[in-house]
Amino acid sequence: MHDPDFTPPPPKDAPPDAVVEFIGVSKWFGHVIGVNNLTLRIPAGLTGLLGPNGAGKSTLLQLATGQLRPSQGRVLVLGHPAWNNPGLNRYIGLCPEQDAFYEWMTGREFVTACARLGGFPAREAAEAAARAIEGVRMTENADRPIKGYSKGMRQRTKLAQALVHDPLVLFLDEPLTGTDPVARRDLLDIIHRLGDEGRSVIVSSHVLHEVQAVTPYIVLLNHGRLVAEGDVRQIRDLIDTHPHRIILKCRDGRALASKLVRADDVVGVELRRKDGAILVETRSPDLFYSRLASLALETDTPIEEVYSDDDNLEAVFKYLVNS
């Protein structure tokens, strides 16, 4: 399974200065530019990869995991080339944005199969799958068919398959998309724990506050270019000059809206006619997000989905690019 020419990367207690490095990297898809002349060093630890849809985040992760070949430049992971280096797969894990399950399988069967594909013998694969499933808090539902899983369960199962071979570096592509507030909080706790264990984790998202909950270090992309990188507080100073727009979906939108409109941190609430969702504007997003999990557990206003509009980030990116 391993490339005979591959030199194993350093152990977990001695990571290189940059776990992922892009050196003058561009990726073209015909006339479309996915990544544009990107030079970037991602340090060990937790890193947030932020940008609106179409910013190049997924392309960047696919380059880093060896799924795409750069049109120009070099991509290094743990000091080794990412492209055409199958031995590197032993040390990296990917949780993709899109689902690609065999729906008839149980979660346990799927994660075990992924371990077998990674070269584990049958008994070791079963043991590794059990550990990974327990690590993402899916043991109770592991033996149910995937076709009956909620969005949160699917995201946990994808995370388990990324962890089953105990990688050094994890790439998580929009792992929180479509999850309810409780599942979102649990997944953030899991990601934070992975960082505490000494793994390097690159989390892709278009919602700044999701990433800030686990890491202060962020990378901002827009149209395939690096816009900014560094401590999240420096970026927040710019973003907090704009109201944050958050979309909530609930069966009884009017009841939820009546609760939200009374909150001091909410500056606007709109019940959208086209889909019944609630558009909330707030200048204190940290306070607002901190209350969502408990609010979602109230029986009269269960929140089914929460996400943030891209418009706010787009405005900040335009400000950064123009300045």
C-alpha atoms as a PDB file:
ATOM      1  CA  MET A   1       0.000   0.000   0.000  1.00  0.00           C
ATOM      2  CA  HIS A   2       2.913   2.362   0.631  1.00  0.00           C
ATOM      3  CA  ASP A   3       5.226   4.012  -1.885  1.00  0.00           C
ATOM      4  CA  PRO A   4       8.689   2.406  -1.390  1.00  0.00           C
ATOM      5  CA  ASP A   5      10.333   5.763  -2.053  1.00  0.00           C
ATOM      6  CA  PHE A   6       8.280   7.537   0.592  1.00  0.00           C
ATOM      7  CA  THR A   7      10.062   8.675   3.739  1.00  0.00           C
ATOM      8  CA  PRO A   8       7.731   8.694   6.747  1.00  0.00           C
ATOM      9  CA  PRO A   9       7.068  12.180   8.101  1.00  0.00           C
ATOM     10  CA  PRO A  10       8.163  13.238  11.586  1.00  0.00           C
ATOM     11  CA  PRO A  11       6.287  11.845  14.595  1.00  0.00           C
ATOM     12  CA  LYS A  12       3.463  13.801  16.182  1.00  0.00           C
ATOM     13  CA  ASP A  13       5.692  15.356  18.873  1.00  0.00           C
ATOM     14  CA  ALA A  14       8.052  16.874  16.280  1.00  0.00           C
ATOM     15  CA  PRO A  15       5.981  18.347  13.420  1.00  0.00           C
ATOM     16  CA  PRO A  16       7.662  20.456  10.728  1.00  0.00           C
ATOM     17  CA  ASP A  17       7.344  24.248  10.812  1.00  0.00           C
ATOM     18  CA  ALA A  18       4.689  24.083   8.079  1.00  0.00           C
ATOM     19  CA  VAL A  19       2.457  21.004   7.841  1.00  0.00           C
ATOM     20  CA  VAL A  20       1.166  22.227   4.462  1.00  0.00           C
ATOM     21  CA  GLU A  21       3.044  24.517   2.087  1.00  0.00           C
ATOM     22  CA  PHE A  22       1.939  26.035  -1.218  1.00  0.00           C
ATOM     23  CA  ILE A  23       4.760  27.485  -3.306  1.00  0.00           C
ATOM     24  CA  GLY A  24       3.568  29.605  -6.234  1.00  0.00           C
ATOM     25  CA  VAL A  25       0.627  27.258  -6.802  1.00  0.00           C
ATOM     26  CA  SER A  26      -1.998  27.797  -9.489  1.00  0.00           C
ATOM     27  CA  LYS A  27      -4.719  25.420 -10.656  1.00  0.00           C
ATOM     28  CA  TRP A  28      -6.668  26.036 -13.864  1.00  0.00           C
ATOM     29  CA  PHE A  29      -9.778  24.238 -15.109  1.00  0.00           C
ATOM     30  CA  GLY A  30      -9.776  25.357 -18.735  1.00  0.00           C
ATOM     31  CA  HIS A  31     -10.399  29.101 -18.572  1.00  0.00           C
ATOM     32  CA  VAL A  32     -11.492  28.929 -14.924  1.00  0.00           C
ATOM     33  CA  ILE A  33      -8.894  29.643 -12.229  1.00  0.00           C
ATOM     34  CA  GLY A  34      -9.373  27.585  -9.068  1.00  0.00           C
ATOM     35  CA  VAL A  35      -6.251  28.739  -7.226  1.00  0.00           C
ATOM     36  CA  ASN A  36      -4.217  31.716  -8.411  1.00  0.00           C
ATOM     37  CA  ASN A  37      -0.464  31.977  -7.667  1.00  0.00           C
ATOM     38  CA  LEU A  38      -0.851  30.927  -4.038  1.00  0.00           C
ATOM     39  CA  THR A  39       2.124  30.982  -1.671  1.00  0.00           C
ATOM     40  CA  LEU A  40       1.157  29.935   1.837  1.00  0.00           C
ATOM     41  CA  ARG A  41       2.620  28.104   4.841  1.00  0.00           C
ATOM     42  CA  ILE A  42       0.083  26.508   7.182  1.00  0.00           C
ATOM     43  CA  PRO A  43       1.555  25.843  10.630  1.00  0.00           C
ATOM     44  CA  ALA A  44       0.923  22.863  12.888  1.00  0.00           C
ATOM     45  CA  GLY A  45      -2.238  23.006  14.973  1.00  0.00           C
ATOM     46  CA  LEU A  46      -5.749  24.152  14.083  1.00  0.00           C
ATOM     47  CA  THR A  47      -6.231  26.370  11.027  1.00  0.00           C
ATOM     48  CA  GLY A  48      -9.450  27.838   9.670  1.00  0.00           C
ATOM     49  CA  LEU A  49      -9.744  28.112   5.890  1.00  0.00           C
ATOM     50  CA  LEU A  50     -12.383  30.722   5.132  1.00  0.00           C
ATOM     51  CA  GLY A  51     -14.027  32.161   2.055  1.00  0.00           C
ATOM     52  CA  PRO A  52     -17.382  32.369   0.276  1.00  0.00           C
ATOM     53  CA  ASN A  53     -18.606  29.611  -2.008  1.00  0.00           C
ATOM     54  CA  GLY A  54     -16.364  29.496  -5.071  1.00  0.00           C
ATOM     55  CA  ALA A  55     -13.382  31.047  -3.276  1.00  0.00           C
ATOM     56  CA  GLY A  56     -11.131  28.051  -4.008  1.00  0.00           C
ATOM     57  CA  LYS A  57     -11.259  26.308  -0.622  1.00  0.00           C
ATOM     58  CA  SER A  58     -12.181  22.861  -1.944  1.00  0.00           C
ATOM     59  CA  THR A  59      -9.598  23.150  -4.738  1.00  0.00           C
ATOM     60  CA  LEU A  60      -6.938  24.008  -2.162  1.00  0.00           C
ATOM     61  CA  LEU A  61      -7.851  20.953  -0.065  1.00  0.00           C
ATOM     62  CA  GLN A  62      -7.888  18.694  -3.118  1.00  0.00           C
ATOM     63  CA  LEU A  63      -4.409  19.921  -4.031  1.00  0.00           C
ATOM     64  CA  ALA A  64      -3.173  19.314  -0.486  1.00  0.00           C
ATOM     65  CA  THR A  65      -4.578  15.766  -0.411  1.00  0.00           C
ATOM     66  CA  GLY A  66      -3.108  14.825  -3.785  1.00  0.00           C
ATOM     67  CA  GLN A  67      -6.408  14.590  -5.645  1.00  0.00           C
ATOM     68  CA  LEU A  68      -5.452  17.385  -8.041  1.00  0.00           C
ATOM     69  CA  ARG A  69      -2.161  18.139  -9.745  1.00  0.00           C
ATOM     70  CA  PRO A  70      -1.087  21.806  -9.653  1.00  0.00           C
ATOM     71  CA  SER A  71      -0.996  23.560 -13.007  1.00  0.00           C
ATOM     72  CA  GLN A  72       2.110  25.279 -11.687  1.00  0.00           C
ATOM     73  CA  GLY A  73       4.010  25.423  -8.402  1.00  0.00           C
ATOM     74  CA  ARG A  74       4.514  22.848  -5.655  1.00  0.00           C
ATOM     75  CA  VAL A  75       2.372  21.561  -2.789  1.00  0.00           C
ATOM     76  CA  LEU A  76       4.108  19.952   0.200  1.00  0.00           C
ATOM     77  CA  VAL A  77       2.469  18.140   3.109  1.00  0.00           C
ATOM     78  CA  LEU A  78       4.666  17.232   6.067  1.00  0.00           C
ATOM     79  CA  GLY A  79       7.571  18.229   3.859  1.00  0.00           C
ATOM     80  CA  HIS A  80       6.701  15.760   1.084  1.00  0.00           C
ATOM     81  CA  PRO A  81       5.084  16.336  -2.351  1.00  0.00           C
ATOM     82  CA  ALA A  82       1.320  15.918  -2.220  1.00  0.00           C
ATOM     83  CA  TRP A  83       0.905  14.890  -5.870  1.00  0.00           C
ATOM     84  CA  ASN A  84       1.643  11.319  -6.996  1.00  0.00           C
ATOM     85  CA  ASN A  85       2.700  10.250  -3.511  1.00  0.00           C
ATOM     86  CA  PRO A  86       0.266   7.520  -2.368  1.00  0.00           C
ATOM     87  CA  GLY A  87       2.363   6.741   0.708  1.00  0.00           C
ATOM     88  CA  LEU A  88       1.376  10.115   2.106  1.00  0.00           C
ATOM     89  CA  ASN A  89      -2.231   8.953   2.389  1.00  0.00           C
ATOM     90  CA  ARG A  90      -1.263   7.004   5.513  1.00  0.00           C
ATOM     91  CA  TYR A  91      -0.627  10.284   7.320  1.00  0.00           C
ATOM     92  CA  ILE A  92      -3.499  12.474   6.131  1.00  0.00           C
ATOM     93  CA  GLY A  93      -7.270  12.254   6.463  1.00  0.00           C
ATOM     94  CA  LEU A  94      -9.982  13.990   4.434  1.00  0.00           C
ATOM     95  CA  CYS A  95     -13.589  14.678   5.390  1.00  0.00           C
ATOM     96  CA  PRO A  96     -15.089  15.812   2.045  1.00  0.00           C
ATOM     97  CA  GLU A  97     -17.955  18.265   1.692  1.00  0.00           C
ATOM     98  CA  GLN A  98     -20.034  15.969  -0.520  1.00  0.00           C
ATOM     99  CA  ASP A  99     -21.487  12.686   0.718  1.00  0.00           C
ATOM    100  CA  ALA A 100     -20.286   9.544  -1.067  1.00  0.00           C
ATOM    101  CA  PHE A 101     -21.736   6.671   0.957  1.00  0.00           C
ATOM    102  CA  TYR A 102     -23.020   3.226   0.111  1.00  0.00           C
ATOM    103  CA  GLU A 103     -26.424   3.972   1.600  1.00  0.00           C
ATOM    104  CA  TRP A 104     -27.242   0.341   2.358  1.00  0.00           C
ATOM    105  CA  MET A 105     -24.183  -0.005   4.606  1.00  0.00           C
ATOM    106  CA  THR A 106     -24.239   0.712   8.308  1.00  0.00           C
ATOM    107  CA  GLY A 107     -21.922   3.403   9.584  1.00  0.00           C
ATOM    108  CA  ARG A 108     -19.701   0.759  11.168  1.00  0.00           C
ATOM    109  CA  GLU A 109     -19.477  -1.236   7.932  1.00  0.00           C
ATOM    110  CA  PHE A 110     -18.575   1.895   5.973  1.00  0.00           C
ATOM    111  CA  VAL A 111     -15.808   3.034   8.335  1.00  0.00           C
ATOM    112  CA  THR A 112     -14.452  -0.525   8.559  1.00  0.00           C
ATOM    113  CA  ALA A 113     -14.384  -0.772   4.762  1.00  0.00           C
ATOM    114  CA  CYS A 114     -12.421   2.484   4.591  1.00  0.00           C
ATOM    115  CA  ALA A 115      -9.895   1.036   7.036  1.00  0.00           C
ATOM    116  CA  ARG A 116      -9.548  -2.101   4.907  1.00  0.00           C
ATOM    117  CA  LEU A 117      -8.967   0.041   1.822  1.00  0.00           C
ATOM    118  CA  GLY A 118      -6.208   1.762   3.801  1.00  0.00           C
ATOM    119  CA  GLY A 119      -4.400  -1.562   4.218  1.00  0.00           C
ATOM    120  CA  PHE A 120      -5.614  -2.687   7.656  1.00  0.00           C
ATOM    121  CA  PRO A 121      -6.132  -6.438   8.222  1.00  0.00           C
ATOM    122  CA  ALA A 122      -9.730  -7.406   9.031  1.00  0.00           C
ATOM    123  CA  ARG A 123      -9.418  -7.528  12.836  1.00  0.00           C
ATOM    124  CA  GLU A 124      -7.371  -4.330  13.056  1.00  0.00           C
ATOM    125  CA  ALA A 125      -9.812  -2.589  10.706  1.00  0.00           C
ATOM    126  CA  ALA A 126     -12.753  -3.485  12.940  1.00  0.00           C
ATOM    127  CA  GLU A 127     -10.915  -2.277  16.052  1.00  0.00           C
ATOM    128  CA  ALA A 128      -9.802   0.970  14.375  1.00  0.00           C
ATOM    129  CA  ALA A 129     -13.350   1.600  13.126  1.00  0.00           C
ATOM    130  CA  ALA A 130     -14.751   1.113  16.629  1.00  0.00           C
ATOM    131  CA  ARG A 131     -12.253   3.632  18.048  1.00  0.00           C
ATOM    132  CA  ALA A 132     -12.975   6.199  15.337  1.00  0.00           C
ATOM    133  CA  ILE A 133     -16.749   5.813  15.723  1.00  0.00           C
ATOM    134  CA  GLU A 134     -16.490   6.200  19.492  1.00  0.00           C
ATOM    135  CA  GLY A 135     -14.295   9.261  18.988  1.00  0.00           C
ATOM    136  CA  VAL A 136     -17.025  11.028  16.997  1.00  0.00           C
ATOM    137  CA  ARG A 137     -19.778   9.878  19.379  1.00  0.00           C
ATOM    138  CA  MET A 138     -21.558   7.638  16.887  1.00  0.00           C
ATOM    139  CA  THR A 139     -21.365   4.276  18.691  1.00  0.00           C
ATOM    140  CA  GLU A 140     -25.076   4.285  19.551  1.00  0.00           C
ATOM    141  CA  ASN A 141     -26.077   4.645  15.894  1.00  0.00           C
ATOM    142  CA  ALA A 142     -23.154   2.857  14.233  1.00  0.00           C
ATOM    143  CA  ASP A 143     -25.134  -0.255  13.307  1.00  0.00           C
ATOM    144  CA  ARG A 144     -28.005   1.563  11.607  1.00  0.00           C
ATOM    145  CA  PRO A 145     -28.104   1.873   7.782  1.00  0.00           C
ATOM    146  CA  ILE A 146     -26.600   5.138   6.579  1.00  0.00           C
ATOM    147  CA  LYS A 147     -29.676   5.871   4.456  1.00  0.00           C
ATOM    148  CA  GLY A 148     -31.543   6.676   7.682  1.00  0.00           C
ATOM    149  CA  TYR A 149     -28.909   9.019   9.091  1.00  0.00           C
ATOM    150  CA  SER A 150     -29.487  12.690   9.762  1.00  0.00           C
ATOM    151  CA  LYS A 151     -27.120  15.282   8.337  1.00  0.00           C
ATOM    152  CA  GLY A 152     -25.238  15.435  11.615  1.00  0.00           C
ATOM    153  CA  MET A 153     -24.806  11.644  11.711  1.00  0.00           C
ATOM    154  CA  ARG A 154     -23.503  11.675   8.147  1.00  0.00           C
ATOM    155  CA  GLN A 155     -20.967  14.343   8.996  1.00  0.00           C
ATOM    156  CA  ARG A 156     -19.795  12.355  12.028  1.00  0.00           C
ATOM    157  CA  THR A 157     -19.453   9.207   9.911  1.00  0.00           C
ATOM    158  CA  LYS A 158     -17.384  11.066   7.312  1.00  0.00           C
ATOM    159  CA  LEU A 159     -15.203  12.373  10.120  1.00  0.00           C
ATOM    160  CA  ALA A 160     -14.808   8.837  11.505  1.00  0.00           C
ATOM    161  CA  GLN A 161     -13.547   7.509   8.158  1.00  0.00           C
ATOM    162  CA  ALA A 162     -11.054  10.386   8.014  1.00  0.00           C
ATOM    163  CA  LEU A 163      -9.773   9.414  11.484  1.00  0.00           C
ATOM    164  CA  VAL A 164      -9.833   5.614  11.195  1.00  0.00           C
ATOM    165  CA  HIS A 165      -6.148   5.293  10.218  1.00  0.00           C
ATOM    166  CA  ASP A 166      -4.958   7.756  12.911  1.00  0.00           C
ATOM    167  CA  PRO A 167      -3.598  10.473  10.558  1.00  0.00           C
ATOM    168  CA  LEU A 168      -1.274  13.323  11.531  1.00  0.00           C
ATOM    169  CA  VAL A 169      -3.052  15.933   9.409  1.00  0.00           C
ATOM    170  CA  LEU A 170      -6.815  16.264   8.895  1.00  0.00           C
ATOM    171  CA  PHE A 171      -8.531  18.223   6.130  1.00  0.00           C
ATOM    172  CA  LEU A 172     -12.198  18.981   6.873  1.00  0.00           C
ATOM    173  CA  ASP A 173     -14.172  20.501   3.996  1.00  0.00           C
ATOM    174  CA  GLU A 174     -17.263  22.356   5.301  1.00  0.00           C
ATOM    175  CA  PRO A 175     -17.847  19.753   8.054  1.00  0.00           C
ATOM    176  CA  LEU A 176     -20.669  21.737   9.678  1.00  0.00           C
ATOM    177  CA  THR A 177     -22.782  22.472   6.603  1.00  0.00           C
ATOM    178  CA  GLY A 178     -26.482  21.769   7.091  1.00  0.00           C
ATOM    179  CA  THR A 179     -26.190  20.565  10.689  1.00  0.00           C
ATOM    180  CA  ASP A 180     -28.516  21.671  13.468  1.00  0.00           C
ATOM    181  CA  PRO A 181     -27.092  23.789  16.332  1.00  0.00           C
ATOM    182  CA  VAL A 182     -26.656  20.866  18.745  1.00  0.00           C
ATOM    183  CA  ALA A 183     -24.805  18.705  16.186  1.00  0.00           C
ATOM    184  CA  ARG A 184     -22.758  21.757  15.211  1.00  0.00           C
ATOM    185  CA  ARG A 185     -21.684  22.306  18.813  1.00  0.00           C
ATOM    186  CA  ASP A 186     -20.754  18.623  19.232  1.00  0.00           C
ATOM    187  CA  LEU A 187     -18.710  18.595  16.012  1.00  0.00           C
ATOM    188  CA  LEU A 188     -16.857  21.733  17.089  1.00  0.00           C
ATOM    189  CA  ASP A 189     -16.065  20.041  20.404  1.00  0.00           C
ATOM    190  CA  ILE A 190     -14.689  17.013  18.536  1.00  0.00           C
ATOM    191  CA  ILE A 191     -12.525  19.184  16.263  1.00  0.00           C
ATOM    192  CA  HIS A 192     -11.181  21.047  19.278  1.00  0.00           C
ATOM    193  CA  ARG A 193     -10.336  17.747  20.975  1.00  0.00           C
ATOM    194  CA  LEU A 194      -8.438  16.567  17.894  1.00  0.00           C
ATOM    195  CA  GLY A 195      -6.289  19.673  18.109  1.00  0.00           C
ATOM    196  CA  ASP A 196      -5.681  19.050  21.802  1.00  0.00           C
ATOM    197  CA  GLU A 197      -4.496  15.539  20.894  1.00  0.00           C
ATOM    198  CA  GLY A 198      -1.696  17.065  18.830  1.00  0.00           C
ATOM    199  CA  ARG A 199      -3.146  16.658  15.353  1.00  0.00           C
ATOM    200  CA  SER A 200      -3.002  19.385  12.744  1.00  0.00           C
ATOM    201  CA  VAL A 201      -6.488  20.176  11.453  1.00  0.00           C
ATOM    202  CA  ILE A 202      -7.401  22.445   8.522  1.00  0.00           C
ATOM    203  CA  VAL A 203     -11.115  23.297   8.715  1.00  0.00           C
ATOM    204  CA  SER A 204     -12.795  24.833   5.663  1.00  0.00           C
ATOM    205  CA  SER A 205     -15.881  26.981   6.190  1.00  0.00           C
ATOM    206  CA  HIS A 206     -17.629  30.083   4.871  1.00  0.00           C
ATOM    207  CA  VAL A 207     -18.790  31.023   8.396  1.00  0.00           C
ATOM    208  CA  LEU A 208     -16.135  32.848  10.401  1.00  0.00           C
ATOM    209  CA  HIS A 209     -17.671  32.194  13.821  1.00  0.00           C
ATOM    210  CA  GLU A 210     -17.693  28.425  13.315  1.00  0.00           C
ATOM    211  CA  VAL A 211     -13.943  28.478  12.836  1.00  0.00           C
ATOM    212  CA  GLN A 212     -13.231  31.016  15.554  1.00  0.00           C
ATOM    213  CA  ALA A 213     -14.801  28.637  18.054  1.00  0.00           C
ATOM    214  CA  VAL A 214     -11.825  26.260  17.660  1.00  0.00           C
ATOM    215  CA  THR A 215      -8.855  28.286  16.372  1.00  0.00           C
ATOM    216  CA  PRO A 216      -7.545  31.856  16.320  1.00  0.00           C
ATOM    217  CA  TYR A 217      -5.501  31.263  13.150  1.00  0.00           C
ATOM    218  CA  ILE A 218      -7.344  31.720   9.868  1.00  0.00           C
ATOM    219  CA  VAL A 219      -6.618  31.909   6.148  1.00  0.00           C
ATOM    220  CA  LEU A 220      -8.981  33.958   3.963  1.00  0.00           C
ATOM    221  CA  LEU A 221      -9.403  33.118   0.273  1.00  0.00           C
ATOM    222  CA  ASN A 222     -11.370  34.883  -2.440  1.00  0.00           C
ATOM    223  CA  HIS A 223     -11.418  34.034  -6.177  1.00  0.00           C
ATOM    224  CA  GLY A 224      -8.530  31.632  -5.657  1.00  0.00           C
ATOM    225  CA  ARG A 225      -6.257  34.240  -4.104  1.00  0.00           C
ATOM    226  CA  LEU A 226      -4.940  34.667  -0.598  1.00  0.00           C
ATOM    227  CA  VAL A 227      -6.680  37.723   0.868  1.00  0.00           C
ATOM    228  CA  ALA A 228      -5.405  37.621   4.458  1.00  0.00           C
ATOM    229  CA  GLU A 229      -4.021  35.283   7.077  1.00  0.00           C
ATOM    230  CA  GLY A 230      -3.296  35.517  10.769  1.00  0.00           C
ATOM    231  CA  ASP A 231      -5.043  35.952  14.080  1.00  0.00           C
ATOM    232  CA  VAL A 232      -8.815  35.968  13.801  1.00  0.00           C
ATOM    233  CA  ARG A 233      -9.145  39.030  16.039  1.00  0.00           C
ATOM    234  CA  GLN A 234      -7.518  41.196  13.391  1.00  0.00           C
ATOM    235  CA  ILE A 235     -10.088  40.032  10.838  1.00  0.00           C
ATOM    236  CA  ARG A 236     -12.979  40.332  13.279  1.00  0.00           C
ATOM    237  CA  ASP A 237     -12.211  44.018  13.803  1.00  0.00           C
ATOM    238  CA  LEU A 238     -13.079  44.523  10.130  1.00  0.00           C
ATOM    239  CA  ILE A 239     -16.047  42.172   9.966  1.00  0.00           C
ATOM    240  CA  ASP A 240     -17.693  43.462  13.140  1.00  0.00           C
ATOM    241  CA  THR A 241     -18.277  46.843  11.479  1.00  0.00           C
ATOM    242  CA  HIS A 242     -21.006  45.088   9.455  1.00  0.00           C
ATOM    243  CA  PRO A 243     -24.158  43.413  10.835  1.00  0.00           C
ATOM    244  CA  HIS A 244     -23.870  39.641  10.684  1.00  0.00           C
ATOM    245  CA  ARG A 245     -26.639  37.962   8.718  1.00  0.00           C
ATOM    246  CA  ILE A 246     -27.660  34.503   9.910  1.00  0.00           C
ATOM    247  CA  ILE A 247     -30.342  32.207   8.459  1.00  0.00           C
ATOM    248  CA  LEU A 248     -32.374  29.937  10.753  1.00  0.00           C
ATOM    249  CA  LYS A 249     -34.846  27.261   9.680  1.00  0.00           C
ATOM    250  CA  CYS A 250     -37.583  26.198  12.092  1.00  0.00           C
ATOM    251  CA  ARG A 251     -40.999  24.572  11.682  1.00  0.00           C
ATOM    252  CA  ASP A 252     -42.655  27.446  13.528  1.00  0.00           C
ATOM    253  CA  GLY A 253     -40.744  30.430  12.201  1.00  0.00           C
ATOM    254  CA  ARG A 254     -43.096  33.002  13.697  1.00  0.00           C
ATOM    255  CA  ALA A 255     -42.695  31.648  17.240  1.00  0.00           C
ATOM    256  CA  LEU A 256     -38.909  31.630  16.926  1.00  0.00           C
ATOM    257  CA  ALA A 257     -38.853  35.102  15.379  1.00  0.00           C
ATOM    258  CA  SER A 258     -40.925  36.471  18.273  1.00  0.00           C
ATOM    259  CA  LYS A 259     -38.297  35.192  20.716  1.00  0.00           C
ATOM    260  CA  LEU A 260     -35.350  36.496  18.721  1.00  0.00           C
ATOM    261  CA  VAL A 261     -36.707  39.980  18.177  1.00  0.00           C
ATOM    262  CA  ARG A 262     -36.662  40.623  21.944  1.00  0.00           C
ATOM    263  CA  ALA A 263     -32.933  39.855  22.277  1.00  0.00           C
ATOM    264  CA  ASP A 264     -30.637  42.832  22.879  1.00  0.00           C
ATOM    265  CA  ASP A 265     -27.963  41.532  20.482  1.00  0.00           C
ATOM    266  CA  VAL A 266     -30.400  41.243  17.546  1.00  0.00           C
ATOM    267  CA  VAL A 267     -30.795  44.338  15.363  1.00  0.00           C
ATOM    268  CA  GLY A 268     -33.177  42.863  12.804  1.00  0.00           C
ATOM    269  CA  VAL A 269     -35.405  39.827  12.170  1.00  0.00           C
ATOM    270  CA  GLU A 270     -37.095  39.001   8.870  1.00  0.00           C
ATOM    271  CA  LEU A 271     -39.417  36.049   8.193  1.00  0.00           C
ATOM    272  CA  ARG A 272     -38.789  35.147   4.542  1.00  0.00           C
ATOM    273  CA  ARG A 273     -41.904  34.303   2.567  1.00  0.00           C
ATOM    274  CA  LYS A 274     -40.204  32.148  -0.066  1.00  0.00           C
ATOM    275  CA  ASP A 275     -39.055  29.400   2.312  1.00  0.00           C
ATOM    276  CA  GLY A 276     -40.259  30.374   5.800  1.00  0.00           C
ATOM    277  CA  ALA A 277     -36.691  30.795   7.032  1.00  0.00           C
ATOM    278  CA  ILE A 278     -35.693  33.575   9.422  1.00  0.00           C
ATOM    279  CA  LEU A 279     -33.042  36.135   8.511  1.00  0.00           C
ATOM    280  CA  VAL A 280     -31.390  37.540  11.647  1.00  0.00           C
ATOM    281  CA  GLU A 281     -29.006  40.495  11.776  1.00  0.00           C
ATOM    282  CA  THR A 282     -26.782  40.872  14.833  1.00  0.00           C
ATOM    283  CA  ARG A 283     -23.760  42.953  15.819  1.00  0.00           C
ATOM    284  CA  SER A 284     -22.842  40.486  18.591  1.00  0.00           C
ATOM    285  CA  PRO A 285     -22.508  37.163  16.760  1.00  0.00           C
ATOM    286  CA  ASP A 286     -20.576  35.438  19.548  1.00  0.00           C
ATOM    287  CA  LEU A 287     -23.381  36.077  22.032  1.00  0.00           C
ATOM    288  CA  PHE A 288     -26.030  35.076  19.485  1.00  0.00           C
ATOM    289  CA  TYR A 289     -24.331  31.788  18.536  1.00  0.00           C
ATOM    290  CA  SER A 290     -23.705  30.920  22.189  1.00  0.00           C
ATOM    291  CA  ARG A 291     -27.480  30.902  22.848  1.00  0.00           C
ATOM    292  CA  LEU A 292     -28.506  28.890  19.790  1.00  0.00           C
ATOM    293  CA  ALA A 293     -27.894  25.385  21.155  1.00  0.00           C
ATOM    294  CA  SER A 294     -30.106  25.919  24.223  1.00  0.00           C
ATOM    295  CA  LEU A 295     -32.713  27.710  22.120  1.00  0.00           C
ATOM    296  CA  ALA A 296     -32.800  24.780  19.676  1.00  0.00           C
ATOM    297  CA  LEU A 297     -33.606  22.388  22.514  1.00  0.00           C
ATOM    298  CA  GLU A 298     -36.767  24.259  23.495  1.00  0.00           C
ATOM    299  CA  THR A 299     -39.751  22.149  22.461  1.00  0.00           C
ATOM    300  CA  ASP A 300     -41.788  24.919  20.870  1.00  0.00           C
ATOM    301  CA  THR A 301     -38.994  26.248  18.622  1.00  0.00           C
ATOM    302  CA  PRO A 302     -36.666  23.416  17.522  1.00  0.00           C
ATOM    303  CA  ILE A 303     -34.112  24.848  15.078  1.00  0.00           C
ATOM    304  CA  GLU A 304     -33.471  22.493  12.163  1.00  0.00           C
ATOM    305  CA  GLU A 305     -30.691  24.348  10.362  1.00  0.00           C
ATOM    306  CA  VAL A 306     -28.497  27.417  10.757  1.00  0.00           C
ATOM    307  CA  TYR A 307     -26.094  29.025   8.318  1.00  0.00           C
ATOM    308  CA  SER A 308     -24.662  32.427   7.501  1.00  0.00           C
ATOM    309  CA  ASP A 309     -25.124  34.386   4.310  1.00  0.00           C
ATOM    310  CA  ASP A 310     -22.041  34.861   2.163  1.00  0.00           C
ATOM    311  CA  ASP A 311     -22.865  38.537   1.597  1.00  0.00           C
ATOM    312  CA  ASN A 312     -21.210  39.650   4.814  1.00  0.00           C
ATOM    313  CA  LEU A 313     -17.910  37.940   4.060  1.00  0.00           C
ATOM    314  CA  GLU A 314     -18.005  39.122   0.461  1.00  0.00           C
ATOM    315  CA  ALA A 315     -18.263  42.718   1.688  1.00  0.00           C
ATOM    316  CA  VAL A 316     -15.265  42.271   3.953  1.00  0.00           C
ATOM    317  CA  PHE A 317     -13.234  40.609   1.213  1.00  0.00           C
ATOM    318  CA  LYS A 318     -13.953  43.509  -1.131  1.00  0.00           C
ATOM    319  CA  TYR A 319     -12.806  45.893   1.580  1.00  0.00           C
ATOM    320  CA  LEU A 320      -9.581  43.938   2.107  1.00  0.00           C
ATOM    321  CA  VAL A 321      -8.835  43.611  -1.604  1.00  0.00           C
ATOM    322  CA  ASN A 322      -9.519  47.289  -2.333  1.00  0.00           C
ATOM    323  CA  SER A 323      -7.383  48.403   0.577  1.00  0.00           C
END
